[in-house]
Amino acid sequence: MELMNLRQVRDLLGFKSYKPIHKLIENGLPVVTIGKRQYIEKDELQQFIKSQTQIK
């Protein structure tokens, strides 16, 4: 299990702000909260993105 903080997720996805990450969390991306900090498990992020991908 590899936990990433929100800054690492932002950088990995190429976002310039945290707003898109918070939107993903609102839409069901699982978050691990330890104390006041939030982390996202890398495999969960990949699975969530795949589940949200739409083929047109």
C-alpha atoms as a PDB file:
ATOM      1  CA  MET A   1       0.000   0.000   0.000  1.00  0.00           C
ATOM      2  CA  GLU A   2       1.424   3.355  -1.042  1.00  0.00           C
ATOM      3  CA  LEU A   3      -0.206   6.413   0.500  1.00  0.00           C
ATOM      4  CA  MET A   4       0.208   9.758  -1.219  1.00  0.00           C
ATOM      5  CA  ASN A   5      -0.552  13.145   0.272  1.00  0.00           C
ATOM      6  CA  LEU A   6      -2.719  15.551  -1.699  1.00  0.00           C
ATOM      7  CA  ARG A   7       0.311  17.465  -3.000  1.00  0.00           C
ATOM      8  CA  GLN A   8       1.735  14.260  -4.463  1.00  0.00           C
ATOM      9  CA  VAL A   9      -1.628  13.445  -6.069  1.00  0.00           C
ATOM     10  CA  ARG A  10      -1.846  16.973  -7.490  1.00  0.00           C
ATOM     11  CA  ASP A  11       1.644  16.688  -8.973  1.00  0.00           C
ATOM     12  CA  LEU A  12       1.056  13.168 -10.316  1.00  0.00           C
ATOM     13  CA  LEU A  13      -2.128  14.223 -12.121  1.00  0.00           C
ATOM     14  CA  GLY A  14      -0.616  17.492 -13.347  1.00  0.00           C
ATOM     15  CA  PHE A  15      -3.073  19.809 -11.607  1.00  0.00           C
ATOM     16  CA  LYS A  16      -2.021  23.330 -10.625  1.00  0.00           C
ATOM     17  CA  SER A  17      -4.444  23.555  -7.692  1.00  0.00           C
ATOM     18  CA  TYR A  18      -6.094  21.253  -5.172  1.00  0.00           C
ATOM     19  CA  LYS A  19      -9.642  22.057  -6.346  1.00  0.00           C
ATOM     20  CA  PRO A  20      -9.848  19.157  -8.861  1.00  0.00           C
ATOM     21  CA  ILE A  21      -8.625  16.731  -6.199  1.00  0.00           C
ATOM     22  CA  HIS A  22     -11.293  17.887  -3.755  1.00  0.00           C
ATOM     23  CA  LYS A  23     -13.852  17.425  -6.553  1.00  0.00           C
ATOM     24  CA  LEU A  24     -12.646  13.829  -7.060  1.00  0.00           C
ATOM     25  CA  ILE A  25     -13.012  13.222  -3.319  1.00  0.00           C
ATOM     26  CA  GLU A  26     -16.560  14.643  -3.411  1.00  0.00           C
ATOM     27  CA  ASN A  27     -17.304  12.232  -6.265  1.00  0.00           C
ATOM     28  CA  GLY A  28     -16.229   9.201  -4.249  1.00  0.00           C
ATOM     29  CA  LEU A  29     -12.436   8.928  -4.331  1.00  0.00           C
ATOM     30  CA  PRO A  30     -11.544   7.113  -1.085  1.00  0.00           C
ATOM     31  CA  VAL A  31      -9.432   9.090   1.387  1.00  0.00           C
ATOM     32  CA  VAL A  32      -7.416   7.934   4.392  1.00  0.00           C
ATOM     33  CA  THR A  33      -7.418  10.517   7.185  1.00  0.00           C
ATOM     34  CA  ILE A  34      -4.622  10.362   9.736  1.00  0.00           C
ATOM     35  CA  GLY A  35      -4.892  13.155  12.252  1.00  0.00           C
ATOM     36  CA  LYS A  36      -5.669  16.271  10.245  1.00  0.00           C
ATOM     37  CA  ARG A  37      -3.991  15.072   7.075  1.00  0.00           C
ATOM     38  CA  GLN A  38      -5.589  13.305   4.132  1.00  0.00           C
ATOM     39  CA  TYR A  39      -3.925  10.638   2.031  1.00  0.00           C
ATOM     40  CA  ILE A  40      -4.961   8.735  -1.053  1.00  0.00           C
ATOM     41  CA  GLU A  41      -3.847   5.187  -1.714  1.00  0.00           C
ATOM     42  CA  LYS A  42      -2.161   5.046  -5.135  1.00  0.00           C
ATOM     43  CA  ASP A  43      -3.921   1.861  -6.297  1.00  0.00           C
ATOM     44  CA  GLU A  44      -7.304   3.297  -5.239  1.00  0.00           C
ATOM     45  CA  LEU A  45      -6.582   6.455  -7.256  1.00  0.00           C
ATOM     46  CA  GLN A  46      -5.752   4.425 -10.361  1.00  0.00           C
ATOM     47  CA  GLN A  47      -8.840   2.257  -9.929  1.00  0.00           C
ATOM     48  CA  PHE A  48     -11.072   5.301  -9.368  1.00  0.00           C
ATOM     49  CA  ILE A  49      -9.777   7.038 -12.494  1.00  0.00           C
ATOM     50  CA  LYS A  50     -10.343   3.892 -14.565  1.00  0.00           C
ATOM     51  CA  SER A  51     -13.900   3.591 -13.233  1.00  0.00           C
ATOM     52  CA  GLN A  52     -14.621   7.213 -14.183  1.00  0.00           C
ATOM     53  CA  THR A  53     -13.206   6.925 -17.708  1.00  0.00           C
ATOM     54  CA  GLN A  54     -15.844   7.165 -20.420  1.00  0.00           C
ATOM     55  CA  ILE A  55     -15.287   5.796 -23.899  1.00  0.00           C
ATOM     56  CA  LYS A  56     -17.090   7.693 -26.636  1.00  0.00           C
END
